[in-house]
N, C-alpha and C. Protein backbone atom coordinates (compact mmCIF):
# COMPACT_ATOMS: atom_id res chain seq x y z
N UNK A 1 1.22 -1.53 0.33
CA UNK A 1 -0.46 -0.06 -0.05
C UNK A 1 0.73 0.95 0.06
N UNK A 2 0.61 2.47 -1.02
CA UNK A 2 1.02 3.17 -0.69
C UNK A 2 0.93 3.92 0.53
N UNK A 3 1.47 5.14 0.71
CA UNK A 3 1.24 5.80 2.19
C UNK A 3 0.56 6.64 1.83
N UNK A 4 -0.40 7.46 3.07
CA UNK A 4 -1.08 8.92 2.34
C UNK A 4 -0.11 9.58 3.05
N UNK A 5 -0.91 10.71 1.53
CA UNK A 5 0.03 11.75 1.24
C UNK A 5 -0.82 13.49 2.03
N UNK A 6 0.46 14.27 2.83
CA UNK A 6 -1.01 14.99 4.00
C UNK A 6 -0.97 16.30 2.31
N UNK A 7 -2.75 16.21 2.60
CA UNK A 7 -3.27 17.10 1.72
C UNK A 7 -2.91 18.32 2.01
N UNK A 8 -2.50 18.71 3.03
CA UNK A 8 -2.07 20.41 3.28
C UNK A 8 -0.78 20.52 2.18
N UNK A 9 -0.23 19.83 2.41
CA UNK A 9 1.24 19.99 1.03
C UNK A 9 1.01 19.85 -0.02
N UNK A 10 0.12 18.69 -0.02
CA UNK A 10 -0.10 17.89 -1.98
C UNK A 10 -0.93 18.93 -3.07
N UNK A 11 -0.33 20.11 -2.84
CA UNK A 11 -0.92 21.40 -3.14
C UNK A 11 0.76 21.81 -3.64
N UNK A 12 0.42 22.03 -5.28
CA UNK A 12 2.22 22.72 -5.61
C UNK A 12 2.38 23.95 -5.46
N UNK A 13 2.47 25.00 -4.73
CA UNK A 13 2.30 25.94 -4.35
C UNK A 13 2.36 26.10 -3.10
N UNK A 14 1.70 25.57 -2.08
CA UNK A 14 2.14 25.30 -0.50
C UNK A 14 3.41 24.21 -0.46
N UNK A 15 3.69 23.45 -1.34
CA UNK A 15 4.72 22.75 -1.92
C UNK A 15 6.02 23.51 -2.08
N UNK A 16 5.72 24.23 -2.84
CA UNK A 16 7.15 25.03 -3.35
C UNK A 16 7.06 26.01 -2.49
N UNK A 17 6.11 26.68 -1.58
CA UNK A 17 6.56 27.87 -0.02
C UNK A 17 7.14 26.73 1.19
N UNK A 18 7.06 25.44 0.93
CA UNK A 18 7.30 24.73 1.99
C UNK A 18 8.56 24.53 1.46
N UNK A 19 8.88 24.38 0.08
CA UNK A 19 10.73 23.96 -0.37
C UNK A 19 11.30 24.72 0.00
N UNK A 20 10.49 26.05 -0.48
CA UNK A 20 11.45 27.73 -0.21
C UNK A 20 12.47 27.61 1.39
N UNK A 21 11.06 27.42 2.39
CA UNK A 21 11.32 27.06 3.67
C UNK A 21 12.51 26.68 4.51
N UNK A 22 12.00 25.53 3.90
CA UNK A 22 12.87 24.87 4.36
C UNK A 22 14.47 25.07 4.21
N UNK A 23 14.20 25.51 3.54
CA UNK A 23 16.17 25.38 2.76
C UNK A 23 16.43 26.97 3.45
N UNK A 24 16.20 27.58 4.24
CA UNK A 24 16.12 29.44 4.92
C UNK A 24 16.15 29.06 6.78
N UNK A 25 16.04 30.01 6.57
CA UNK A 25 15.50 30.80 8.37
C UNK A 25 14.84 31.16 8.20
N UNK A 26 14.26 32.56 7.16
CA UNK A 26 13.03 32.57 6.95
C UNK A 26 12.89 33.82 5.47
N UNK A 27 12.09 33.75 5.23
CA UNK A 27 11.76 34.68 4.01
C UNK A 27 10.40 35.28 3.82
N UNK A 28 10.21 36.39 3.27
CA UNK A 28 9.57 37.96 3.13
C UNK A 28 8.92 37.53 2.28
N UNK A 29 7.63 37.62 1.97
CA UNK A 29 6.66 37.51 0.78
C UNK A 29 6.66 37.43 -0.07
N UNK A 30 7.57 39.21 -0.04
CA UNK A 30 7.99 39.18 -1.63
C UNK A 30 9.25 38.29 -2.22
N UNK A 31 9.94 37.71 -1.34
CA UNK A 31 10.66 36.64 -2.64
C UNK A 31 10.43 35.45 -1.98
N UNK A 32 9.28 34.62 -1.68
CA UNK A 32 8.35 33.90 -1.78
C UNK A 32 8.10 33.60 -3.04
N UNK A 33 7.21 35.26 -3.59
CA UNK A 33 6.01 34.92 -4.45
C UNK A 33 6.69 35.36 -5.86
N UNK A 34 8.04 35.67 -5.55
CA UNK A 34 9.03 36.20 -7.00
C UNK A 34 9.62 34.60 -6.86
N UNK A 35 10.13 33.83 -5.87
CA UNK A 35 10.64 32.26 -5.80
C UNK A 35 8.86 31.62 -7.05
N UNK A 36 8.62 31.91 -5.88
CA UNK A 36 6.67 31.17 -6.38
C UNK A 36 6.48 31.14 -8.27
N UNK A 37 6.27 32.65 -8.96
CA UNK A 37 5.52 33.32 -10.17
C UNK A 37 4.42 33.01 -9.50
N UNK A 38 3.63 33.23 -7.57
CA UNK A 38 2.12 33.15 -8.47
C UNK A 38 1.82 34.90 -7.40
N UNK A 39 0.44 34.50 -8.09
CA UNK A 39 0.13 36.24 -7.72
C UNK A 39 -0.01 36.31 -6.20
N UNK A 40 0.04 37.61 -5.37
CA UNK A 40 -0.18 38.18 -3.93
C UNK A 40 -1.36 37.54 -4.23
N UNK A 41 -2.37 37.59 -4.50
CA UNK A 41 -3.41 36.66 -3.40
C UNK A 41 -4.02 35.87 -3.48
N UNK A 42 -3.47 34.48 -4.20
CA UNK A 42 -3.01 33.52 -4.46
C UNK A 42 -1.94 32.85 -3.20
N UNK A 43 -0.77 33.59 -2.83
CA UNK A 43 0.07 33.49 -2.52
C UNK A 43 -0.29 33.44 -0.58
N UNK A 44 -1.08 34.52 -1.01
CA UNK A 44 -2.05 35.15 0.84
C UNK A 44 -2.10 33.81 0.93
N UNK A 45 -3.52 33.43 0.27
CA UNK A 45 -4.63 32.04 0.37
C UNK A 45 -3.67 30.84 1.26
N UNK A 46 -2.26 31.19 0.26
CA UNK A 46 -1.65 29.61 0.87
C UNK A 46 -1.18 29.42 2.26
N UNK A 47 -0.32 30.72 2.26
CA UNK A 47 0.13 31.02 3.36
C UNK A 47 -0.49 30.75 4.40
N UNK A 48 -1.89 31.55 4.47
CA UNK A 48 -2.29 31.43 5.65
C UNK A 48 -3.50 29.80 5.62
N UNK A 49 -3.37 29.05 4.89
CA UNK A 49 -3.47 27.58 4.79
C UNK A 49 -2.11 26.62 5.91
N UNK A 50 -1.32 26.99 4.95
CA UNK A 50 0.16 26.62 5.70
C UNK A 50 0.36 27.24 7.63
N UNK A 51 -0.45 28.49 7.71
CA UNK A 51 0.06 29.38 9.14
C UNK A 51 -1.64 28.35 9.85
N UNK A 52 -2.39 28.28 9.86
CA UNK A 52 -3.55 27.43 10.05
C UNK A 52 -3.09 26.22 10.82
N UNK A 53 -2.53 25.24 9.12
CA UNK A 53 -1.97 24.31 9.93
C UNK A 53 -0.98 24.10 10.76
N UNK A 54 -0.46 25.02 11.37
CA UNK A 54 0.95 25.32 12.24
C UNK A 54 2.40 24.49 11.45
N UNK A 55 2.38 24.44 10.48
CA UNK A 55 3.44 24.71 9.67
C UNK A 55 4.64 25.65 8.80
N UNK A 56 4.15 26.51 9.23
CA UNK A 56 4.55 27.99 9.25
C UNK A 56 4.43 28.92 10.24
N UNK A 57 5.31 29.93 11.21
CA UNK A 57 4.53 31.30 11.43
C UNK A 57 4.64 32.66 10.15
N UNK A 58 4.31 33.08 11.03
CA UNK A 58 3.85 34.73 9.84
C UNK A 58 3.99 35.71 10.82
N UNK A 59 5.06 36.26 10.54
CA UNK A 59 5.13 37.90 10.94
C UNK A 59 5.04 38.87 10.35
N UNK A 60 3.91 39.40 10.80
CA UNK A 60 3.64 41.23 9.98
C UNK A 60 4.11 42.54 10.53
N UNK A 61 5.05 43.10 10.04
CA UNK A 61 6.00 44.38 10.12
C UNK A 61 5.85 45.64 9.32
N UNK A 62 7.52 46.11 9.36
CA UNK A 62 7.61 46.68 8.55
C UNK A 62 9.06 46.69 8.24
N UNK A 63 9.55 47.38 6.78
CA UNK A 63 11.00 47.60 7.15
C UNK A 63 10.62 48.96 6.76
N UNK A 64 11.23 49.67 7.37
CA UNK A 64 10.99 51.50 7.49
C UNK A 64 9.64 51.54 7.65
N UNK A 65 9.50 52.39 6.04
CA UNK A 65 7.51 52.50 6.28
C UNK A 65 6.59 51.53 5.39
N UNK A 66 7.58 50.68 5.69
CA UNK A 66 7.14 49.73 4.01
C UNK A 66 6.49 48.72 4.47
N UNK A 67 5.06 47.93 4.70
CA UNK A 67 5.23 46.72 5.23
C UNK A 67 5.71 45.58 5.18
N UNK A 68 6.48 44.48 5.92
CA UNK A 68 6.66 42.77 4.75
C UNK A 68 5.89 42.08 6.30
N UNK A 69 6.07 40.99 5.52
CA UNK A 69 5.32 40.08 5.98
C UNK A 69 6.40 38.70 5.84
N UNK A 70 6.78 37.95 7.13
CA UNK A 70 7.83 36.94 7.10
C UNK A 70 7.67 35.83 7.47
N UNK A 71 8.06 34.52 6.73
CA UNK A 71 7.39 33.87 6.85
C UNK A 71 8.55 32.67 7.29
N UNK A 72 8.39 31.71 8.45
CA UNK A 72 9.68 30.86 8.74
C UNK A 72 8.91 29.43 9.43
N UNK A 73 9.09 28.04 8.69
CA UNK A 73 8.42 26.98 8.91
C UNK A 73 9.15 26.44 10.35
N UNK A 74 8.04 25.75 10.99
CA UNK A 74 7.91 25.23 11.80
C UNK A 74 9.13 24.04 12.33
N UNK A 75 8.91 23.23 13.66
CA UNK A 75 9.27 22.43 13.66
C UNK A 75 8.33 21.10 12.74
N UNK A 76 6.89 21.48 13.69
CA UNK A 76 5.49 20.66 12.78
C UNK A 76 5.82 20.44 11.38
N UNK A 77 6.26 21.20 10.83
CA UNK A 77 5.98 21.50 9.68
C UNK A 77 7.30 21.24 9.04
N UNK A 78 8.12 21.46 9.41
CA UNK A 78 9.60 20.60 8.86
C UNK A 78 9.66 19.22 8.62
N UNK A 79 9.32 18.56 10.30
CA UNK A 79 8.70 17.11 10.34
C UNK A 79 7.54 17.15 9.15
N UNK A 80 6.63 17.72 8.08
CA UNK A 80 5.56 17.25 8.44
C UNK A 80 5.98 16.82 7.12
N UNK A 81 6.38 18.24 6.52
CA UNK A 81 7.44 18.48 4.84
C UNK A 81 8.23 17.20 4.94
N UNK A 82 9.37 16.64 5.91
CA UNK A 82 10.31 15.37 5.39
C UNK A 82 9.05 13.90 5.09
N UNK A 83 8.34 13.58 6.21
CA UNK A 83 7.23 12.92 5.89
C UNK A 83 6.75 12.98 4.63
N UNK A 84 6.15 13.63 4.37
CA UNK A 84 5.62 14.17 2.73
C UNK A 84 6.85 13.34 2.08
N UNK A 85 8.02 14.29 1.57
CA UNK A 85 9.06 13.68 0.68
C UNK A 85 9.20 12.49 0.90
N UNK A 86 9.07 12.04 1.99
CA UNK A 86 10.07 10.19 2.51
C UNK A 86 8.33 9.23 1.70
N UNK A 87 7.28 10.07 1.97
CA UNK A 87 6.47 8.78 1.31
C UNK A 87 6.46 9.32 0.17
N UNK A 88 6.50 10.49 -0.63
CA UNK A 88 6.81 10.61 -1.90
C UNK A 88 7.50 9.63 -2.70
N UNK A 89 8.55 9.59 -2.41
CA UNK A 89 9.96 8.70 -2.47
C UNK A 89 9.53 7.22 -2.62
N UNK A 90 8.58 6.72 -1.49
CA UNK A 90 7.49 5.20 -2.04
C UNK A 90 7.14 5.18 -3.22
N UNK A 91 6.49 6.23 -3.70
CA UNK A 91 5.49 6.26 -4.99
C UNK A 91 6.45 5.77 -6.04
N UNK A 92 7.43 6.87 -6.33
CA UNK A 92 8.59 6.43 -7.30
C UNK A 92 9.39 5.01 -7.11
N UNK A 93 9.52 3.96 -6.15
CA UNK A 93 10.37 3.05 -6.15
C UNK A 93 9.59 2.05 -7.55
């Protein structure tokens, strides 16, 4: 039997966001948007879903007078991401 894939991570954009965050300490919204090519609205919705699942934290602040949203992967998010990758590997073997 194939392992069940996490439905939160089984989305192209959410998986891309998690892949980015797994490799950095944190990333701001603009960087994630640039790397994924997503629209602001779609990215915002997907970040909210990852945050609600406890997979990332989101901090809103300012850089000077410009609003800045920073995302960081949580321990639970990193564990879920690693489990997802390992489960996906079983589909490919």
